[in-house]
């Protein structure tokens, strides 16, 4: 009996160690994303709030495991286009980059935040529909995609932030519905 208890404790420690290591990797990823965002974008107090949210959410979902972890890392990938598109658009339009931007948000930048978020939202929704736990995957993916995208688009204020969130939610629902219909056809 003592031998099976020791084996059970050893298996439990290995299981817990794997979850903690996953959370630490996620924290390192969040720190790298924040460092990139601070380097390429104008930093505001809202940016720091979203950075703290990402640094808390990503490791928690990674530690949780399963569809939460899969969705969280898929969401980070989905959040990269909204993180970088405003920077690229501003560079093309004005020949500079966001840290030197003294202008307010422009309509093309706001549309770019909404458009890229909606496009990646469709991918998130369609991928979530194929997961074994679609709701958990979708919740984790939309949360981390929004927080990652907000590191870039929130630098334009409330309009950019609303563009990211509305685009992701609308796109995710659309992707989920389309993927669900294709599965039942």
C-alpha atoms as a PDB file:
ATOM      1  CA  UNK A   1       0.000   0.000   0.000  1.00  0.00           C
ATOM      2  CA  UNK A   2       2.813   2.442   0.810  1.00  0.00           C
ATOM      3  CA  UNK A   3       4.332   1.830  -2.593  1.00  0.00           C
ATOM      4  CA  UNK A   4       1.140   2.882  -4.422  1.00  0.00           C
ATOM      5  CA  UNK A   5       0.807   5.984  -2.222  1.00  0.00           C
ATOM      6  CA  UNK A   6       4.346   7.033  -3.110  1.00  0.00           C
ATOM      7  CA  UNK A   7       3.640   6.480  -6.806  1.00  0.00           C
ATOM      8  CA  UNK A   8       0.450   8.519  -6.532  1.00  0.00           C
ATOM      9  CA  UNK A   9       2.284  11.386  -4.790  1.00  0.00           C
ATOM     10  CA  UNK A  10       5.023  11.287  -7.418  1.00  0.00           C
ATOM     11  CA  UNK A  11       2.494  11.400 -10.256  1.00  0.00           C
ATOM     12  CA  UNK A  12       0.656  14.252  -8.554  1.00  0.00           C
ATOM     13  CA  UNK A  13       3.883  16.271  -8.142  1.00  0.00           C
ATOM     14  CA  UNK A  14       4.737  15.742 -11.822  1.00  0.00           C
ATOM     15  CA  UNK A  15       1.241  16.867 -12.810  1.00  0.00           C
ATOM     16  CA  UNK A  16       1.431  19.999 -10.662  1.00  0.00           C
ATOM     17  CA  UNK A  17       4.973  20.768 -11.851  1.00  0.00           C
ATOM     18  CA  UNK A  18       3.817  20.638 -15.489  1.00  0.00           C
ATOM     19  CA  UNK A  19       1.018  23.109 -14.778  1.00  0.00           C
ATOM     20  CA  UNK A  20       3.315  25.497 -12.908  1.00  0.00           C
ATOM     21  CA  UNK A  21       5.901  25.373 -15.708  1.00  0.00           C
ATOM     22  CA  UNK A  22       3.183  26.110 -18.250  1.00  0.00           C
ATOM     23  CA  UNK A  23       2.107  29.129 -16.208  1.00  0.00           C
ATOM     24  CA  UNK A  24       5.706  30.358 -15.976  1.00  0.00           C
ATOM     25  CA  UNK A  25       6.143  30.043 -19.752  1.00  0.00           C
ATOM     26  CA  UNK A  26       2.924  31.999 -20.224  1.00  0.00           C
ATOM     27  CA  UNK A  27       4.162  34.708 -17.850  1.00  0.00           C
ATOM     28  CA  UNK A  28       7.402  34.952 -19.852  1.00  0.00           C
ATOM     29  CA  UNK A  29       5.361  35.253 -23.057  1.00  0.00           C
ATOM     30  CA  UNK A  30       3.221  37.989 -21.521  1.00  0.00           C
ATOM     31  CA  UNK A  31       6.353  39.858 -20.404  1.00  0.00           C
ATOM     32  CA  UNK A  32       7.808  39.619 -23.922  1.00  0.00           C
ATOM     33  CA  UNK A  33       4.576  40.922 -25.474  1.00  0.00           C
ATOM     34  CA  UNK A  34       4.470  43.831 -23.043  1.00  0.00           C
ATOM     35  CA  UNK A  35       8.123  44.648 -23.756  1.00  0.00           C
ATOM     36  CA  UNK A  36       7.416  44.665 -27.494  1.00  0.00           C
ATOM     37  CA  UNK A  37       4.302  46.812 -27.061  1.00  0.00           C
ATOM     38  CA  UNK A  38       6.137  49.323 -24.853  1.00  0.00           C
ATOM     39  CA  UNK A  39       8.920  49.522 -27.416  1.00  0.00           C
ATOM     40  CA  UNK A  40       6.757  50.144 -30.481  1.00  0.00           C
ATOM     41  CA  UNK A  41       3.705  51.987 -29.127  1.00  0.00           C
ATOM     42  CA  UNK A  42       2.937  55.100 -27.149  1.00  0.00           C
ATOM     43  CA  UNK A  43       2.409  53.935 -23.567  1.00  0.00           C
ATOM     44  CA  UNK A  44      -0.519  55.194 -21.551  1.00  0.00           C
ATOM     45  CA  UNK A  45      -1.943  54.252 -18.177  1.00  0.00           C
ATOM     46  CA  UNK A  46      -4.530  52.133 -20.001  1.00  0.00           C
ATOM     47  CA  UNK A  47      -1.700  50.265 -21.710  1.00  0.00           C
ATOM     48  CA  UNK A  48      -0.272  49.322 -18.328  1.00  0.00           C
ATOM     49  CA  UNK A  49      -3.701  48.173 -17.174  1.00  0.00           C
ATOM     50  CA  UNK A  50      -4.053  45.862 -20.190  1.00  0.00           C
ATOM     51  CA  UNK A  51      -0.477  44.657 -19.724  1.00  0.00           C
ATOM     52  CA  UNK A  52      -1.238  43.733 -16.117  1.00  0.00           C
ATOM     53  CA  UNK A  53      -4.424  41.999 -17.251  1.00  0.00           C
ATOM     54  CA  UNK A  54      -2.494  39.949 -19.802  1.00  0.00           C
ATOM     55  CA  UNK A  55       0.224  39.134 -17.259  1.00  0.00           C
ATOM     56  CA  UNK A  56      -2.444  37.816 -14.872  1.00  0.00           C
ATOM     57  CA  UNK A  57      -4.805  36.134 -17.324  1.00  0.00           C
ATOM     58  CA  UNK A  58      -2.369  34.281 -19.574  1.00  0.00           C
ATOM     59  CA  UNK A  59      -0.533  32.393 -16.792  1.00  0.00           C
ATOM     60  CA  UNK A  60      -3.805  31.612 -14.991  1.00  0.00           C
ATOM     61  CA  UNK A  61      -5.312  30.078 -18.126  1.00  0.00           C
ATOM     62  CA  UNK A  62      -2.082  28.230 -18.935  1.00  0.00           C
ATOM     63  CA  UNK A  63      -1.968  26.824 -15.404  1.00  0.00           C
ATOM     64  CA  UNK A  64      -5.585  25.705 -15.751  1.00  0.00           C
ATOM     65  CA  UNK A  65      -4.706  23.547 -18.758  1.00  0.00           C
ATOM     66  CA  UNK A  66      -6.835  21.827 -21.376  1.00  0.00           C
ATOM     67  CA  UNK A  67      -9.075  24.047 -23.509  1.00  0.00           C
ATOM     68  CA  UNK A  68      -8.214  27.066 -21.354  1.00  0.00           C
ATOM     69  CA  UNK A  69      -4.521  26.713 -22.220  1.00  0.00           C
ATOM     70  CA  UNK A  70      -5.160  25.951 -25.900  1.00  0.00           C
ATOM     71  CA  UNK A  71      -7.504  28.923 -26.188  1.00  0.00           C
ATOM     72  CA  UNK A  72      -5.167  31.279 -24.344  1.00  0.00           C
ATOM     73  CA  UNK A  73      -2.229  30.613 -26.643  1.00  0.00           C
ATOM     74  CA  UNK A  74      -4.440  30.711 -29.748  1.00  0.00           C
ATOM     75  CA  UNK A  75      -5.745  34.046 -28.503  1.00  0.00           C
ATOM     76  CA  UNK A  76      -2.249  35.460 -28.186  1.00  0.00           C
ATOM     77  CA  UNK A  77      -1.603  34.532 -31.806  1.00  0.00           C
ATOM     78  CA  UNK A  78      -4.909  36.103 -32.801  1.00  0.00           C
ATOM     79  CA  UNK A  79      -4.040  39.267 -30.872  1.00  0.00           C
ATOM     80  CA  UNK A  80      -0.782  39.867 -32.737  1.00  0.00           C
ATOM     81  CA  UNK A  81      -2.338  41.446 -35.870  1.00  0.00           C
ATOM     82  CA  UNK A  82      -4.294  44.068 -33.868  1.00  0.00           C
ATOM     83  CA  UNK A  83      -1.104  44.710 -31.899  1.00  0.00           C
ATOM     84  CA  UNK A  84       0.966  45.522 -34.985  1.00  0.00           C
ATOM     85  CA  UNK A  85      -1.472  46.751 -37.661  1.00  0.00           C
ATOM     86  CA  UNK A  86      -1.913  50.258 -36.158  1.00  0.00           C
ATOM     87  CA  UNK A  87       1.848  50.624 -36.061  1.00  0.00           C
ATOM     88  CA  UNK A  88       2.224  49.572 -39.691  1.00  0.00           C
ATOM     89  CA  UNK A  89      -0.673  51.721 -40.846  1.00  0.00           C
ATOM     90  CA  UNK A  90       0.632  54.784 -39.024  1.00  0.00           C
ATOM     91  CA  UNK A  91       4.105  54.215 -40.451  1.00  0.00           C
ATOM     92  CA  UNK A  92       2.696  54.001 -43.966  1.00  0.00           C
ATOM     93  CA  UNK A  93       0.484  57.051 -43.527  1.00  0.00           C
ATOM     94  CA  UNK A  94       2.841  59.361 -41.632  1.00  0.00           C
ATOM     95  CA  UNK A  95       6.341  57.946 -41.980  1.00  0.00           C
ATOM     96  CA  UNK A  96       6.851  57.619 -38.231  1.00  0.00           C
ATOM     97  CA  UNK A  97       5.996  55.244 -35.470  1.00  0.00           C
ATOM     98  CA  UNK A  98       3.622  55.377 -32.535  1.00  0.00           C
ATOM     99  CA  UNK A  99       6.070  56.454 -29.805  1.00  0.00           C
ATOM    100  CA  UNK A 100       6.641  59.722 -31.677  1.00  0.00           C
ATOM    101  CA  UNK A 101       2.949  60.152 -32.501  1.00  0.00           C
ATOM    102  CA  UNK A 102       1.576  63.417 -31.190  1.00  0.00           C
ATOM    103  CA  UNK A 103      -1.645  63.207 -33.177  1.00  0.00           C
ATOM    104  CA  UNK A 104      -4.845  61.669 -31.902  1.00  0.00           C
ATOM    105  CA  UNK A 105      -6.348  58.526 -33.332  1.00  0.00           C
ATOM    106  CA  UNK A 106      -7.293  58.633 -36.991  1.00  0.00           C
ATOM    107  CA  UNK A 107     -10.270  56.981 -38.631  1.00  0.00           C
ATOM    108  CA  UNK A 108      -8.095  54.632 -40.742  1.00  0.00           C
ATOM    109  CA  UNK A 109      -6.311  53.422 -37.588  1.00  0.00           C
ATOM    110  CA  UNK A 110      -9.607  52.807 -35.805  1.00  0.00           C
ATOM    111  CA  UNK A 111     -10.973  50.921 -38.817  1.00  0.00           C
ATOM    112  CA  UNK A 112      -7.760  48.900 -38.959  1.00  0.00           C
ATOM    113  CA  UNK A 113      -8.180  47.892 -35.308  1.00  0.00           C
ATOM    114  CA  UNK A 114     -11.763  46.799 -35.873  1.00  0.00           C
ATOM    115  CA  UNK A 115     -11.066  45.099 -39.203  1.00  0.00           C
ATOM    116  CA  UNK A 116      -8.061  43.065 -38.127  1.00  0.00           C
ATOM    117  CA  UNK A 117      -9.792  42.078 -34.898  1.00  0.00           C
ATOM    118  CA  UNK A 118     -12.881  40.945 -36.783  1.00  0.00           C
ATOM    119  CA  UNK A 119     -10.793  38.890 -39.212  1.00  0.00           C
ATOM    120  CA  UNK A 120      -8.843  37.096 -36.515  1.00  0.00           C
ATOM    121  CA  UNK A 121     -12.055  36.763 -34.525  1.00  0.00           C
ATOM    122  CA  UNK A 122     -13.523  34.695 -37.360  1.00  0.00           C
ATOM    123  CA  UNK A 123     -10.509  32.387 -37.126  1.00  0.00           C
ATOM    124  CA  UNK A 124     -10.870  32.144 -33.335  1.00  0.00           C
ATOM    125  CA  UNK A 125     -14.572  31.333 -33.597  1.00  0.00           C
ATOM    126  CA  UNK A 126     -14.118  28.704 -36.277  1.00  0.00           C
ATOM    127  CA  UNK A 127     -11.260  27.079 -34.361  1.00  0.00           C
ATOM    128  CA  UNK A 128     -13.268  27.159 -31.131  1.00  0.00           C
ATOM    129  CA  UNK A 129     -16.156  25.361 -32.822  1.00  0.00           C
ATOM    130  CA  UNK A 130     -13.860  22.412 -33.553  1.00  0.00           C
ATOM    131  CA  UNK A 131     -12.377  22.135 -30.057  1.00  0.00           C
ATOM    132  CA  UNK A 132     -13.567  19.454 -27.640  1.00  0.00           C
ATOM    133  CA  UNK A 133     -14.628  22.197 -25.183  1.00  0.00           C
ATOM    134  CA  UNK A 134     -15.594  25.045 -27.533  1.00  0.00           C
ATOM    135  CA  UNK A 135     -16.936  27.519 -24.975  1.00  0.00           C
ATOM    136  CA  UNK A 136     -13.901  27.309 -22.724  1.00  0.00           C
ATOM    137  CA  UNK A 137     -11.573  27.592 -25.699  1.00  0.00           C
ATOM    138  CA  UNK A 138     -13.502  30.596 -27.048  1.00  0.00           C
ATOM    139  CA  UNK A 139     -13.596  32.420 -23.710  1.00  0.00           C
ATOM    140  CA  UNK A 140      -9.856  31.975 -23.199  1.00  0.00           C
ATOM    141  CA  UNK A 141      -8.999  32.874 -26.794  1.00  0.00           C
ATOM    142  CA  UNK A 142     -11.141  36.008 -26.937  1.00  0.00           C
ATOM    143  CA  UNK A 143      -9.845  37.191 -23.545  1.00  0.00           C
ATOM    144  CA  UNK A 144      -6.166  36.844 -24.395  1.00  0.00           C
ATOM    145  CA  UNK A 145      -6.622  38.064 -27.982  1.00  0.00           C
ATOM    146  CA  UNK A 146      -8.378  41.177 -26.701  1.00  0.00           C
ATOM    147  CA  UNK A 147      -5.708  41.867 -24.097  1.00  0.00           C
ATOM    148  CA  UNK A 148      -2.900  41.313 -26.603  1.00  0.00           C
ATOM    149  CA  UNK A 149      -4.562  43.489 -29.245  1.00  0.00           C
ATOM    150  CA  UNK A 150      -5.367  46.180 -26.702  1.00  0.00           C
ATOM    151  CA  UNK A 151      -1.661  46.620 -26.023  1.00  0.00           C
ATOM    152  CA  UNK A 152      -1.528  48.237 -29.476  1.00  0.00           C
ATOM    153  CA  UNK A 153      -4.964  49.575 -30.314  1.00  0.00           C
ATOM    154  CA  UNK A 154      -5.730  51.019 -26.881  1.00  0.00           C
ATOM    155  CA  UNK A 155      -2.963  53.547 -27.462  1.00  0.00           C
ATOM    156  CA  UNK A 156      -5.509  55.287 -29.687  1.00  0.00           C
ATOM    157  CA  UNK A 157      -7.939  55.665 -26.828  1.00  0.00           C
ATOM    158  CA  UNK A 158     -11.415  54.332 -26.250  1.00  0.00           C
ATOM    159  CA  UNK A 159     -12.217  54.072 -29.962  1.00  0.00           C
ATOM    160  CA  UNK A 160      -9.304  51.739 -30.619  1.00  0.00           C
ATOM    161  CA  UNK A 161     -10.120  49.651 -27.563  1.00  0.00           C
ATOM    162  CA  UNK A 162     -13.769  49.329 -28.553  1.00  0.00           C
ATOM    163  CA  UNK A 163     -12.693  48.444 -32.090  1.00  0.00           C
ATOM    164  CA  UNK A 164     -10.581  45.535 -30.876  1.00  0.00           C
ATOM    165  CA  UNK A 165     -13.165  44.140 -28.489  1.00  0.00           C
ATOM    166  CA  UNK A 166     -16.152  44.597 -30.813  1.00  0.00           C
ATOM    167  CA  UNK A 167     -14.229  43.177 -33.757  1.00  0.00           C
ATOM    168  CA  UNK A 168     -13.091  40.113 -31.848  1.00  0.00           C
ATOM    169  CA  UNK A 169     -16.507  39.336 -30.424  1.00  0.00           C
ATOM    170  CA  UNK A 170     -18.330  39.912 -33.717  1.00  0.00           C
ATOM    171  CA  UNK A 171     -15.772  37.931 -35.675  1.00  0.00           C
ATOM    172  CA  UNK A 172     -15.694  35.077 -33.174  1.00  0.00           C
ATOM    173  CA  UNK A 173     -19.458  34.697 -33.166  1.00  0.00           C
ATOM    174  CA  UNK A 174     -19.491  34.785 -36.966  1.00  0.00           C
ATOM    175  CA  UNK A 175     -16.718  32.196 -37.209  1.00  0.00           C
ATOM    176  CA  UNK A 176     -18.450  29.957 -34.683  1.00  0.00           C
ATOM    177  CA  UNK A 177     -21.793  30.125 -36.523  1.00  0.00           C
ATOM    178  CA  UNK A 178     -20.216  29.508 -39.937  1.00  0.00           C
ATOM    179  CA  UNK A 179     -18.135  26.588 -38.638  1.00  0.00           C
ATOM    180  CA  UNK A 180     -21.183  25.129 -36.888  1.00  0.00           C
ATOM    181  CA  UNK A 181     -23.282  25.315 -40.050  1.00  0.00           C
ATOM    182  CA  UNK A 182     -20.518  23.753 -42.130  1.00  0.00           C
ATOM    183  CA  UNK A 183     -20.276  20.873 -39.644  1.00  0.00           C
ATOM    184  CA  UNK A 184     -24.018  20.214 -39.831  1.00  0.00           C
ATOM    185  CA  UNK A 185     -24.294  20.528 -43.629  1.00  0.00           C
END
